[in-house]
Amino acid sequence: MRLNGALFRKTAALPATLALIFVAACVDPSVTAGSANRSALPKPGENVYIASMDAGIQIPALPVEEIPESHRRQVVDYETDQAPGTIIINPKTKHLFYVLGHNKAIRYGIAVGRAGFEWSGEANVAEKKEWPTWIPPKEMIARRPELAKFDEVGQPGGPTNPLGARAIYLNSNGRDYGYRIHGTPEWESIGHNASSGCIRMINQDVIDLYSRVQGGEKVIVLTSTGEMPTGLYIPPTIAPKKPVPEIPAGAIPTLAVLPPPSIATGTATAAAAVAPAATTAPAATEVPKCKVALVDGVCPPDQVEN
């Protein structure tokens, strides 16, 4: 019995289709459509902090032995129900996790906000830029007036720019609160509470994360104790310390310096120069003598000596 031609073609194609489905199920979750420009996953023990040129800017190699092993980029087991591509930030352990799926994630070391600047909640990736210009927030300029020179035009991207090689801009509920995931030239700050609320990464690491982020990804910032947030918490603005005003010369009258007290009297010898003038006491009158003993303290009139 011969098979119908169309049926034969469908039947013959079935094993190939099943093979494709089987292979697709085994593909690494980080290798998906649109991921051709993504960096390769780090291999165990690989030094990913080597020197490189990026957009004509030199990124220096880092002394990997000075970066704690726990804060070097690596693939780790990470159990979560969040979708692949989600970014989870744990301020307690100073780690950023990029969820790969199948309970795997890329773990990066980060620096987070110092005391008073911690925030938590959900956000999403709104924008991303290479070698971004840094414009300090007005609150930061109020705390550090020397940054006022960058208020209008900002600091161009470069090796000393505080935003480093890449910046990933975050929005929460459609609003930009000024929080970023960005690189930093201060790689020694990784693993510490060092920023004004932004998430700092080593330049080599933020370039790697940047290559994986497409836009719109969910970002979850856990609480300072590492718990899942129940809402968005933005810390209140910390008012800058008021500077002590300078007192111009001559605003305070010069005080007269008195000489030391006299040893004989215990009083300042020049006290009369600053104390109110004392009234002159009346001259003492001579007490008359009595010829006999006083009676109740009084001398009889006829016994008073003339």
C-alpha atoms as a PDB file:
ATOM      1  CA  MET A   1       0.000   0.000   0.000  1.00  0.00           C
ATOM      2  CA  ARG A   2       1.431   3.336  -1.055  1.00  0.00           C
ATOM      3  CA  LEU A   3       1.302   6.398   1.174  1.00  0.00           C
ATOM      4  CA  ASN A   4      -0.232   9.551  -0.143  1.00  0.00           C
ATOM      5  CA  GLY A   5       2.566  11.923  -1.310  1.00  0.00           C
ATOM      6  CA  ALA A   6       1.622  14.739   1.060  1.00  0.00           C
ATOM      7  CA  LEU A   7       1.191  12.314   3.941  1.00  0.00           C
ATOM      8  CA  PHE A   8       4.566  10.752   3.164  1.00  0.00           C
ATOM      9  CA  ARG A   9       6.303  14.141   3.226  1.00  0.00           C
ATOM     10  CA  LYS A  10       4.690  15.021   6.555  1.00  0.00           C
ATOM     11  CA  THR A  11       5.607  11.644   8.020  1.00  0.00           C
ATOM     12  CA  ALA A  12       9.186  11.923   6.809  1.00  0.00           C
ATOM     13  CA  ALA A  13       9.533  15.405   8.263  1.00  0.00           C
ATOM     14  CA  LEU A  14       8.270  14.321  11.695  1.00  0.00           C
ATOM     15  CA  PRO A  15      11.590  12.902  12.987  1.00  0.00           C
ATOM     16  CA  ALA A  16      13.401  16.071  11.957  1.00  0.00           C
ATOM     17  CA  THR A  17      10.787  18.210  13.690  1.00  0.00           C
ATOM     18  CA  LEU A  18      11.028  16.155  16.856  1.00  0.00           C
ATOM     19  CA  ALA A  19      14.798  16.407  16.702  1.00  0.00           C
ATOM     20  CA  LEU A  20      14.606  20.181  16.500  1.00  0.00           C
ATOM     21  CA  ILE A  21      12.237  20.318  19.461  1.00  0.00           C
ATOM     22  CA  PHE A  22      14.533  18.051  21.444  1.00  0.00           C
ATOM     23  CA  VAL A  23      17.598  20.168  20.643  1.00  0.00           C
ATOM     24  CA  ALA A  24      15.761  23.396  21.458  1.00  0.00           C
ATOM     25  CA  ALA A  25      14.885  22.030  24.885  1.00  0.00           C
ATOM     26  CA  CYS A  26      18.581  21.528  25.579  1.00  0.00           C
ATOM     27  CA  VAL A  27      19.743  24.970  24.437  1.00  0.00           C
ATOM     28  CA  ASP A  28      21.345  27.131  27.118  1.00  0.00           C
ATOM     29  CA  PRO A  29      18.586  29.533  28.336  1.00  0.00           C
ATOM     30  CA  SER A  30      20.911  32.507  27.863  1.00  0.00           C
ATOM     31  CA  VAL A  31      21.289  31.761  24.143  1.00  0.00           C
ATOM     32  CA  THR A  32      18.006  32.966  22.695  1.00  0.00           C
ATOM     33  CA  ALA A  33      16.826  34.968  19.736  1.00  0.00           C
ATOM     34  CA  GLY A  34      18.519  38.334  19.603  1.00  0.00           C
ATOM     35  CA  SER A  35      21.432  37.197  21.788  1.00  0.00           C
ATOM     36  CA  ALA A  36      24.057  37.046  19.067  1.00  0.00           C
ATOM     37  CA  ASN A  37      25.869  40.070  20.493  1.00  0.00           C
ATOM     38  CA  ARG A  38      25.854  38.791  24.055  1.00  0.00           C
ATOM     39  CA  SER A  39      29.077  37.905  25.788  1.00  0.00           C
ATOM     40  CA  ALA A  40      29.894  34.257  26.373  1.00  0.00           C
ATOM     41  CA  LEU A  41      29.121  32.815  29.781  1.00  0.00           C
ATOM     42  CA  PRO A  42      32.129  32.953  32.125  1.00  0.00           C
ATOM     43  CA  LYS A  43      33.964  29.657  32.553  1.00  0.00           C
ATOM     44  CA  PRO A  44      34.933  28.418  36.031  1.00  0.00           C
ATOM     45  CA  GLY A  45      38.199  30.010  37.122  1.00  0.00           C
ATOM     46  CA  GLU A  46      38.384  32.270  34.052  1.00  0.00           C
ATOM     47  CA  ASN A  47      39.939  35.727  34.531  1.00  0.00           C
ATOM     48  CA  VAL A  48      37.420  38.083  32.962  1.00  0.00           C
ATOM     49  CA  TYR A  49      39.109  41.242  34.239  1.00  0.00           C
ATOM     50  CA  ILE A  50      41.698  41.646  31.510  1.00  0.00           C
ATOM     51  CA  ALA A  51      42.616  44.881  29.707  1.00  0.00           C
ATOM     52  CA  SER A  52      40.680  45.887  26.596  1.00  0.00           C
ATOM     53  CA  MET A  53      39.874  48.795  24.308  1.00  0.00           C
ATOM     54  CA  ASP A  54      36.261  49.921  24.139  1.00  0.00           C
ATOM     55  CA  ALA A  55      35.150  52.721  21.823  1.00  0.00           C
ATOM     56  CA  GLY A  56      38.749  53.912  21.754  1.00  0.00           C
ATOM     57  CA  ILE A  57      38.950  54.067  25.555  1.00  0.00           C
ATOM     58  CA  GLN A  58      41.428  51.897  27.435  1.00  0.00           C
ATOM     59  CA  ILE A  59      39.921  49.695  30.152  1.00  0.00           C
ATOM     60  CA  PRO A  60      42.790  48.570  32.383  1.00  0.00           C
ATOM     61  CA  ALA A  61      43.236  45.044  33.671  1.00  0.00           C
ATOM     62  CA  LEU A  62      42.396  44.565  37.332  1.00  0.00           C
ATOM     63  CA  PRO A  63      44.372  42.583  39.925  1.00  0.00           C
ATOM     64  CA  VAL A  64      41.933  39.697  40.060  1.00  0.00           C
ATOM     65  CA  GLU A  65      43.575  38.363  43.228  1.00  0.00           C
ATOM     66  CA  GLU A  66      42.415  41.517  45.028  1.00  0.00           C
ATOM     67  CA  ILE A  67      38.779  40.953  44.048  1.00  0.00           C
ATOM     68  CA  PRO A  68      37.131  38.513  46.472  1.00  0.00           C
ATOM     69  CA  GLU A  69      36.230  35.286  44.701  1.00  0.00           C
ATOM     70  CA  SER A  70      32.646  35.712  45.890  1.00  0.00           C
ATOM     71  CA  HIS A  71      32.394  38.980  43.959  1.00  0.00           C
ATOM     72  CA  ARG A  72      33.896  37.860  40.643  1.00  0.00           C
ATOM     73  CA  ARG A  73      31.613  37.241  37.681  1.00  0.00           C
ATOM     74  CA  GLN A  74      30.520  33.595  37.560  1.00  0.00           C
ATOM     75  CA  VAL A  75      27.585  31.290  36.816  1.00  0.00           C
ATOM     76  CA  VAL A  76      25.975  29.998  40.028  1.00  0.00           C
ATOM     77  CA  ASP A  77      23.029  27.918  41.156  1.00  0.00           C
ATOM     78  CA  TYR A  78      20.192  30.310  41.926  1.00  0.00           C
ATOM     79  CA  GLU A  79      16.708  29.071  42.683  1.00  0.00           C
ATOM     80  CA  THR A  80      14.026  31.562  41.676  1.00  0.00           C
ATOM     81  CA  ASP A  81      10.629  31.630  40.009  1.00  0.00           C
ATOM     82  CA  GLN A  82      11.520  34.803  38.127  1.00  0.00           C
ATOM     83  CA  ALA A  83      11.720  34.674  34.336  1.00  0.00           C
ATOM     84  CA  PRO A  84      15.045  34.498  32.493  1.00  0.00           C
ATOM     85  CA  GLY A  85      16.447  37.993  31.949  1.00  0.00           C
ATOM     86  CA  THR A  86      15.233  39.266  35.319  1.00  0.00           C
ATOM     87  CA  ILE A  87      17.819  41.184  37.336  1.00  0.00           C
ATOM     88  CA  ILE A  88      17.767  40.614  41.111  1.00  0.00           C
ATOM     89  CA  ILE A  89      19.909  42.807  43.349  1.00  0.00           C
ATOM     90  CA  ASN A  90      20.748  41.762  46.908  1.00  0.00           C
ATOM     91  CA  PRO A  91      22.143  44.751  48.865  1.00  0.00           C
ATOM     92  CA  LYS A  92      22.883  42.527  51.871  1.00  0.00           C
ATOM     93  CA  THR A  93      25.370  40.292  50.049  1.00  0.00           C
ATOM     94  CA  LYS A  94      26.382  42.958  47.469  1.00  0.00           C
ATOM     95  CA  HIS A  95      25.442  40.748  44.502  1.00  0.00           C
ATOM     96  CA  LEU A  96      23.540  41.245  41.254  1.00  0.00           C
ATOM     97  CA  PHE A  97      21.987  38.144  39.677  1.00  0.00           C
ATOM     98  CA  TYR A  98      21.057  37.928  35.999  1.00  0.00           C
ATOM     99  CA  VAL A  99      18.576  35.061  35.834  1.00  0.00           C
ATOM    100  CA  LEU A 100      19.391  32.479  33.126  1.00  0.00           C
ATOM    101  CA  GLY A 101      16.625  30.003  33.887  1.00  0.00           C
ATOM    102  CA  HIS A 102      16.705  26.397  35.103  1.00  0.00           C
ATOM    103  CA  ASN A 103      17.834  27.700  38.543  1.00  0.00           C
ATOM    104  CA  LYS A 104      21.001  29.233  37.122  1.00  0.00           C
ATOM    105  CA  ALA A 105      22.157  32.858  37.138  1.00  0.00           C
ATOM    106  CA  ILE A 106      25.216  34.967  36.417  1.00  0.00           C
ATOM    107  CA  ARG A 107      26.378  36.511  39.672  1.00  0.00           C
ATOM    108  CA  TYR A 108      28.250  39.815  39.705  1.00  0.00           C
ATOM    109  CA  GLY A 109      29.795  41.709  42.624  1.00  0.00           C
ATOM    110  CA  ILE A 110      28.388  45.202  43.180  1.00  0.00           C
ATOM    111  CA  ALA A 111      28.519  48.227  45.458  1.00  0.00           C
ATOM    112  CA  VAL A 112      25.238  49.635  46.783  1.00  0.00           C
ATOM    113  CA  GLY A 113      23.949  52.732  48.553  1.00  0.00           C
ATOM    114  CA  ARG A 114      25.577  53.740  51.795  1.00  0.00           C
ATOM    115  CA  ALA A 115      23.575  54.360  54.992  1.00  0.00           C
ATOM    116  CA  GLY A 116      20.603  56.615  54.318  1.00  0.00           C
ATOM    117  CA  PHE A 117      20.608  55.981  50.545  1.00  0.00           C
ATOM    118  CA  GLU A 118      19.289  52.393  50.429  1.00  0.00           C
ATOM    119  CA  TRP A 119      16.181  51.761  48.331  1.00  0.00           C
ATOM    120  CA  SER A 120      14.177  48.664  47.464  1.00  0.00           C
ATOM    121  CA  GLY A 121      11.337  47.574  45.231  1.00  0.00           C
ATOM    122  CA  GLU A 122      10.704  46.762  41.582  1.00  0.00           C
ATOM    123  CA  ALA A 123      11.877  48.689  38.528  1.00  0.00           C
ATOM    124  CA  ASN A 124      12.394  48.061  34.854  1.00  0.00           C
ATOM    125  CA  VAL A 125      15.174  48.774  32.386  1.00  0.00           C
ATOM    126  CA  ALA A 126      14.127  52.002  30.652  1.00  0.00           C
ATOM    127  CA  GLU A 127      17.281  52.902  28.722  1.00  0.00           C
ATOM    128  CA  LYS A 128      20.945  52.023  28.411  1.00  0.00           C
ATOM    129  CA  LYS A 129      23.976  53.989  27.213  1.00  0.00           C
ATOM    130  CA  GLU A 130      27.626  53.370  26.417  1.00  0.00           C
ATOM    131  CA  TRP A 131      30.169  55.663  28.091  1.00  0.00           C
ATOM    132  CA  PRO A 132      27.366  57.943  29.334  1.00  0.00           C
ATOM    133  CA  THR A 133      27.648  61.594  30.300  1.00  0.00           C
ATOM    134  CA  TRP A 134      27.274  62.077  34.031  1.00  0.00           C
ATOM    135  CA  ILE A 135      25.130  64.932  35.341  1.00  0.00           C
ATOM    136  CA  PRO A 136      25.188  65.012  39.150  1.00  0.00           C
ATOM    137  CA  PRO A 137      21.768  65.386  40.818  1.00  0.00           C
ATOM    138  CA  LYS A 138      21.041  68.747  42.396  1.00  0.00           C
ATOM    139  CA  GLU A 139      20.909  67.065  45.816  1.00  0.00           C
ATOM    140  CA  MET A 140      24.466  65.830  45.278  1.00  0.00           C
ATOM    141  CA  ILE A 141      25.634  69.266  44.152  1.00  0.00           C
ATOM    142  CA  ALA A 142      24.124  70.717  47.343  1.00  0.00           C
ATOM    143  CA  ARG A 143      26.200  68.239  49.353  1.00  0.00           C
ATOM    144  CA  ARG A 144      29.312  68.714  47.204  1.00  0.00           C
ATOM    145  CA  PRO A 145      29.389  72.244  45.716  1.00  0.00           C
ATOM    146  CA  GLU A 146      32.587  71.452  43.773  1.00  0.00           C
ATOM    147  CA  LEU A 147      30.411  69.428  41.360  1.00  0.00           C
ATOM    148  CA  ALA A 148      28.471  72.526  40.270  1.00  0.00           C
ATOM    149  CA  LYS A 149      30.713  72.788  37.176  1.00  0.00           C
ATOM    150  CA  PHE A 150      28.922  69.688  35.782  1.00  0.00           C
ATOM    151  CA  ASP A 151      25.408  70.991  36.496  1.00  0.00           C
ATOM    152  CA  GLU A 152      24.627  72.117  32.929  1.00  0.00           C
ATOM    153  CA  VAL A 153      26.704  70.079  30.471  1.00  0.00           C
ATOM    154  CA  GLY A 154      27.713  67.133  32.653  1.00  0.00           C
ATOM    155  CA  GLN A 155      30.986  65.192  32.691  1.00  0.00           C
ATOM    156  CA  PRO A 156      31.710  63.496  29.348  1.00  0.00           C
ATOM    157  CA  GLY A 157      32.126  59.732  29.261  1.00  0.00           C
ATOM    158  CA  GLY A 158      35.628  58.494  29.899  1.00  0.00           C
ATOM    159  CA  PRO A 159      37.886  56.524  32.221  1.00  0.00           C
ATOM    160  CA  THR A 160      37.300  58.868  35.192  1.00  0.00           C
ATOM    161  CA  ASN A 161      33.554  59.310  34.689  1.00  0.00           C
ATOM    162  CA  PRO A 162      31.637  58.057  37.772  1.00  0.00           C
ATOM    163  CA  LEU A 163      29.181  56.121  35.560  1.00  0.00           C
ATOM    164  CA  GLY A 164      31.967  54.061  34.036  1.00  0.00           C
ATOM    165  CA  ALA A 165      31.732  52.247  30.711  1.00  0.00           C
ATOM    166  CA  ARG A 166      27.985  51.584  30.679  1.00  0.00           C
ATOM    167  CA  ALA A 167      24.806  52.793  32.373  1.00  0.00           C
ATOM    168  CA  ILE A 168      21.461  50.997  32.597  1.00  0.00           C
ATOM    169  CA  TYR A 169      18.699  53.453  33.531  1.00  0.00           C
ATOM    170  CA  LEU A 170      15.863  52.288  35.786  1.00  0.00           C
ATOM    171  CA  ASN A 171      12.254  53.453  36.106  1.00  0.00           C
ATOM    172  CA  SER A 172       9.759  52.533  38.811  1.00  0.00           C
ATOM    173  CA  ASN A 173       6.041  52.944  38.139  1.00  0.00           C
ATOM    174  CA  GLY A 174       6.930  54.984  35.056  1.00  0.00           C
ATOM    175  CA  ARG A 175       9.091  57.422  37.018  1.00  0.00           C
ATOM    176  CA  ASP A 176      12.843  57.981  36.938  1.00  0.00           C
ATOM    177  CA  TYR A 177      14.101  58.320  40.512  1.00  0.00           C
ATOM    178  CA  GLY A 178      17.695  58.735  39.332  1.00  0.00           C
ATOM    179  CA  TYR A 179      18.802  55.156  40.002  1.00  0.00           C
ATOM    180  CA  ARG A 180      21.199  53.431  37.621  1.00  0.00           C
ATOM    181  CA  ILE A 181      23.159  50.228  37.239  1.00  0.00           C
ATOM    182  CA  HIS A 182      26.507  51.492  36.031  1.00  0.00           C
ATOM    183  CA  GLY A 183      30.227  50.892  35.867  1.00  0.00           C
ATOM    184  CA  THR A 184      32.797  52.605  38.025  1.00  0.00           C
ATOM    185  CA  PRO A 185      36.502  53.417  37.920  1.00  0.00           C
ATOM    186  CA  GLU A 186      36.507  52.801  41.692  1.00  0.00           C
ATOM    187  CA  TRP A 187      36.515  49.015  41.465  1.00  0.00           C
ATOM    188  CA  GLU A 188      37.785  48.763  45.057  1.00  0.00           C
ATOM    189  CA  SER A 189      34.341  49.910  46.247  1.00  0.00           C
ATOM    190  CA  ILE A 190      32.755  46.656  45.034  1.00  0.00           C
ATOM    191  CA  GLY A 191      31.415  44.691  47.980  1.00  0.00           C
ATOM    192  CA  HIS A 192      30.711  47.825  50.041  1.00  0.00           C
ATOM    193  CA  ASN A 193      28.008  50.391  50.754  1.00  0.00           C
ATOM    194  CA  ALA A 194      29.570  53.216  48.795  1.00  0.00           C
ATOM    195  CA  SER A 195      27.132  54.944  46.438  1.00  0.00           C
ATOM    196  CA  SER A 196      24.255  57.410  46.670  1.00  0.00           C
ATOM    197  CA  GLY A 197      21.766  54.666  45.806  1.00  0.00           C
ATOM    198  CA  CYS A 198      22.968  53.540  42.369  1.00  0.00           C
ATOM    199  CA  ILE A 199      24.280  50.027  41.748  1.00  0.00           C
ATOM    200  CA  ARG A 200      27.992  50.065  40.889  1.00  0.00           C
ATOM    201  CA  MET A 201      29.709  47.341  38.891  1.00  0.00           C
ATOM    202  CA  ILE A 202      33.249  46.700  37.690  1.00  0.00           C
ATOM    203  CA  ASN A 203      33.556  48.079  34.142  1.00  0.00           C
ATOM    204  CA  GLN A 204      34.249  44.643  32.648  1.00  0.00           C
ATOM    205  CA  ASP A 205      31.144  43.303  34.404  1.00  0.00           C
ATOM    206  CA  VAL A 206      28.770  46.097  33.436  1.00  0.00           C
ATOM    207  CA  ILE A 207      29.838  45.685  29.791  1.00  0.00           C
ATOM    208  CA  ASP A 208      28.947  41.997  30.053  1.00  0.00           C
ATOM    209  CA  LEU A 209      25.553  42.692  31.663  1.00  0.00           C
ATOM    210  CA  TYR A 210      24.859  45.470  29.144  1.00  0.00           C
ATOM    211  CA  SER A 211      25.338  42.982  26.287  1.00  0.00           C
ATOM    212  CA  ARG A 212      22.601  40.746  27.756  1.00  0.00           C
ATOM    213  CA  VAL A 213      20.011  43.418  28.574  1.00  0.00           C
ATOM    214  CA  GLN A 214      17.630  44.223  25.723  1.00  0.00           C
ATOM    215  CA  GLY A 215      15.320  46.716  27.477  1.00  0.00           C
ATOM    216  CA  GLY A 216      12.199  46.403  29.578  1.00  0.00           C
ATOM    217  CA  GLU A 217      13.599  43.692  31.872  1.00  0.00           C
ATOM    218  CA  LYS A 218      12.272  43.502  35.416  1.00  0.00           C
ATOM    219  CA  VAL A 219      14.705  44.599  38.121  1.00  0.00           C
ATOM    220  CA  ILE A 220      14.061  43.572  41.723  1.00  0.00           C
ATOM    221  CA  VAL A 221      16.017  45.298  44.491  1.00  0.00           C
ATOM    222  CA  LEU A 222      15.715  43.304  47.713  1.00  0.00           C
ATOM    223  CA  THR A 223      15.566  44.973  51.107  1.00  0.00           C
ATOM    224  CA  SER A 224      18.714  45.739  53.102  1.00  0.00           C
ATOM    225  CA  THR A 225      18.168  42.425  54.928  1.00  0.00           C
ATOM    226  CA  GLY A 226      17.908  40.463  51.665  1.00  0.00           C
ATOM    227  CA  GLU A 227      14.136  39.977  51.732  1.00  0.00           C
ATOM    228  CA  MET A 228      11.727  40.271  48.806  1.00  0.00           C
ATOM    229  CA  PRO A 229      10.292  43.829  48.838  1.00  0.00           C
ATOM    230  CA  THR A 230       6.570  44.318  49.462  1.00  0.00           C
ATOM    231  CA  GLY A 231       6.509  47.681  47.713  1.00  0.00           C
ATOM    232  CA  LEU A 232       8.682  50.525  46.485  1.00  0.00           C
ATOM    233  CA  TYR A 233      10.756  52.262  49.141  1.00  0.00           C
ATOM    234  CA  ILE A 234      12.609  55.455  48.217  1.00  0.00           C
ATOM    235  CA  PRO A 235      14.627  57.018  51.079  1.00  0.00           C
ATOM    236  CA  PRO A 236      13.893  60.649  51.980  1.00  0.00           C
ATOM    237  CA  THR A 237      16.252  63.246  50.593  1.00  0.00           C
ATOM    238  CA  ILE A 238      19.112  63.952  52.951  1.00  0.00           C
ATOM    239  CA  ALA A 239      19.492  67.707  53.375  1.00  0.00           C
ATOM    240  CA  PRO A 240      23.056  68.988  53.004  1.00  0.00           C
ATOM    241  CA  LYS A 241      24.792  70.289  56.069  1.00  0.00           C
ATOM    242  CA  LYS A 242      24.569  74.058  56.328  1.00  0.00           C
ATOM    243  CA  PRO A 243      28.022  75.641  56.108  1.00  0.00           C
ATOM    244  CA  VAL A 244      29.176  77.725  59.056  1.00  0.00           C
ATOM    245  CA  PRO A 245      29.114  81.366  57.875  1.00  0.00           C
ATOM    246  CA  GLU A 246      32.394  83.226  57.918  1.00  0.00           C
ATOM    247  CA  ILE A 247      32.512  86.196  60.283  1.00  0.00           C
ATOM    248  CA  PRO A 248      34.130  89.208  58.591  1.00  0.00           C
ATOM    249  CA  ALA A 249      37.025  90.904  60.323  1.00  0.00           C
ATOM    250  CA  GLY A 250      35.907  93.733  62.578  1.00  0.00           C
ATOM    251  CA  ALA A 251      32.389  92.397  63.016  1.00  0.00           C
ATOM    252  CA  ILE A 252      33.076  91.560  66.678  1.00  0.00           C
ATOM    253  CA  PRO A 253      34.590  94.357  68.874  1.00  0.00           C
ATOM    254  CA  THR A 254      37.955  93.634  70.386  1.00  0.00           C
ATOM    255  CA  LEU A 255      37.675  92.768  74.068  1.00  0.00           C
ATOM    256  CA  ALA A 256      39.901  94.551  76.556  1.00  0.00           C
ATOM    257  CA  VAL A 257      42.433  92.238  78.141  1.00  0.00           C
ATOM    258  CA  LEU A 258      42.709  92.854  81.889  1.00  0.00           C
ATOM    259  CA  PRO A 259      45.969  92.418  83.786  1.00  0.00           C
ATOM    260  CA  PRO A 260      46.240  89.595  86.316  1.00  0.00           C
ATOM    261  CA  PRO A 261      44.780  90.195  89.810  1.00  0.00           C
ATOM    262  CA  SER A 262      46.864  91.857  92.467  1.00  0.00           C
ATOM    263  CA  ILE A 263      48.393  89.406  94.919  1.00  0.00           C
ATOM    264  CA  ALA A 264      47.671  91.742  97.844  1.00  0.00           C
ATOM    265  CA  THR A 265      44.000  92.391  97.207  1.00  0.00           C
ATOM    266  CA  GLY A 266      42.967  89.580  94.835  1.00  0.00           C
ATOM    267  CA  THR A 267      41.321  92.105  92.520  1.00  0.00           C
ATOM    268  CA  ALA A 268      42.320  93.342  89.100  1.00  0.00           C
ATOM    269  CA  THR A 269      44.431  96.448  89.377  1.00  0.00           C
ATOM    270  CA  ALA A 270      42.729  97.986  86.352  1.00  0.00           C
ATOM    271  CA  ALA A 271      39.187  97.101  87.381  1.00  0.00           C
ATOM    272  CA  ALA A 272      38.294 100.745  87.662  1.00  0.00           C
ATOM    273  CA  ALA A 273      38.826 101.090  83.920  1.00  0.00           C
ATOM    274  CA  VAL A 274      35.946  98.780  83.090  1.00  0.00           C
ATOM    275  CA  ALA A 275      33.791  98.801  86.235  1.00  0.00           C
ATOM    276  CA  PRO A 276      31.276 101.582  86.941  1.00  0.00           C
ATOM    277  CA  ALA A 277      32.671 104.423  89.004  1.00  0.00           C
ATOM    278  CA  ALA A 278      31.998 103.825  92.705  1.00  0.00           C
ATOM    279  CA  THR A 279      30.409 106.605  94.817  1.00  0.00           C
ATOM    280  CA  THR A 280      32.728 108.210  97.315  1.00  0.00           C
ATOM    281  CA  ALA A 281      31.995 106.985 100.858  1.00  0.00           C
ATOM    282  CA  PRO A 282      31.451 109.736 103.502  1.00  0.00           C
ATOM    283  CA  ALA A 283      34.333 110.417 105.858  1.00  0.00           C
ATOM    284  CA  ALA A 284      34.101 108.410 109.072  1.00  0.00           C
ATOM    285  CA  THR A 285      33.203 110.474 112.204  1.00  0.00           C
ATOM    286  CA  GLU A 286      35.194 110.078 115.431  1.00  0.00           C
ATOM    287  CA  VAL A 287      33.350 108.027 118.073  1.00  0.00           C
ATOM    288  CA  PRO A 288      33.307 109.974 121.482  1.00  0.00           C
ATOM    289  CA  LYS A 289      34.829 108.316 124.531  1.00  0.00           C
ATOM    290  CA  CYS A 290      32.774 107.529 127.664  1.00  0.00           C
ATOM    291  CA  LYS A 291      34.039 108.078 131.273  1.00  0.00           C
ATOM    292  CA  VAL A 292      32.072 105.086 132.587  1.00  0.00           C
ATOM    293  CA  ALA A 293      30.891 101.744 131.313  1.00  0.00           C
ATOM    294  CA  LEU A 294      28.249 101.918 128.639  1.00  0.00           C
ATOM    295  CA  VAL A 295      24.682 101.250 129.723  1.00  0.00           C
ATOM    296  CA  ASP A 296      22.927  99.078 127.117  1.00  0.00           C
ATOM    297  CA  GLY A 297      25.627 100.135 124.703  1.00  0.00           C
ATOM    298  CA  VAL A 298      24.931 103.865 125.313  1.00  0.00           C
ATOM    299  CA  CYS A 299      27.118 106.336 127.165  1.00  0.00           C
ATOM    300  CA  PRO A 300      25.146 108.546 129.660  1.00  0.00           C
ATOM    301  CA  PRO A 301      25.126 112.089 128.317  1.00  0.00           C
ATOM    302  CA  ASP A 302      26.817 113.523 131.401  1.00  0.00           C
ATOM    303  CA  GLN A 303      29.687 110.984 131.158  1.00  0.00           C
ATOM    304  CA  VAL A 304      30.791 111.804 127.673  1.00  0.00           C
ATOM    305  CA  GLU A 305      34.300 113.174 127.533  1.00  0.00           C
ATOM    306  CA  ASN A 306      34.543 116.463 125.746  1.00  0.00           C
END
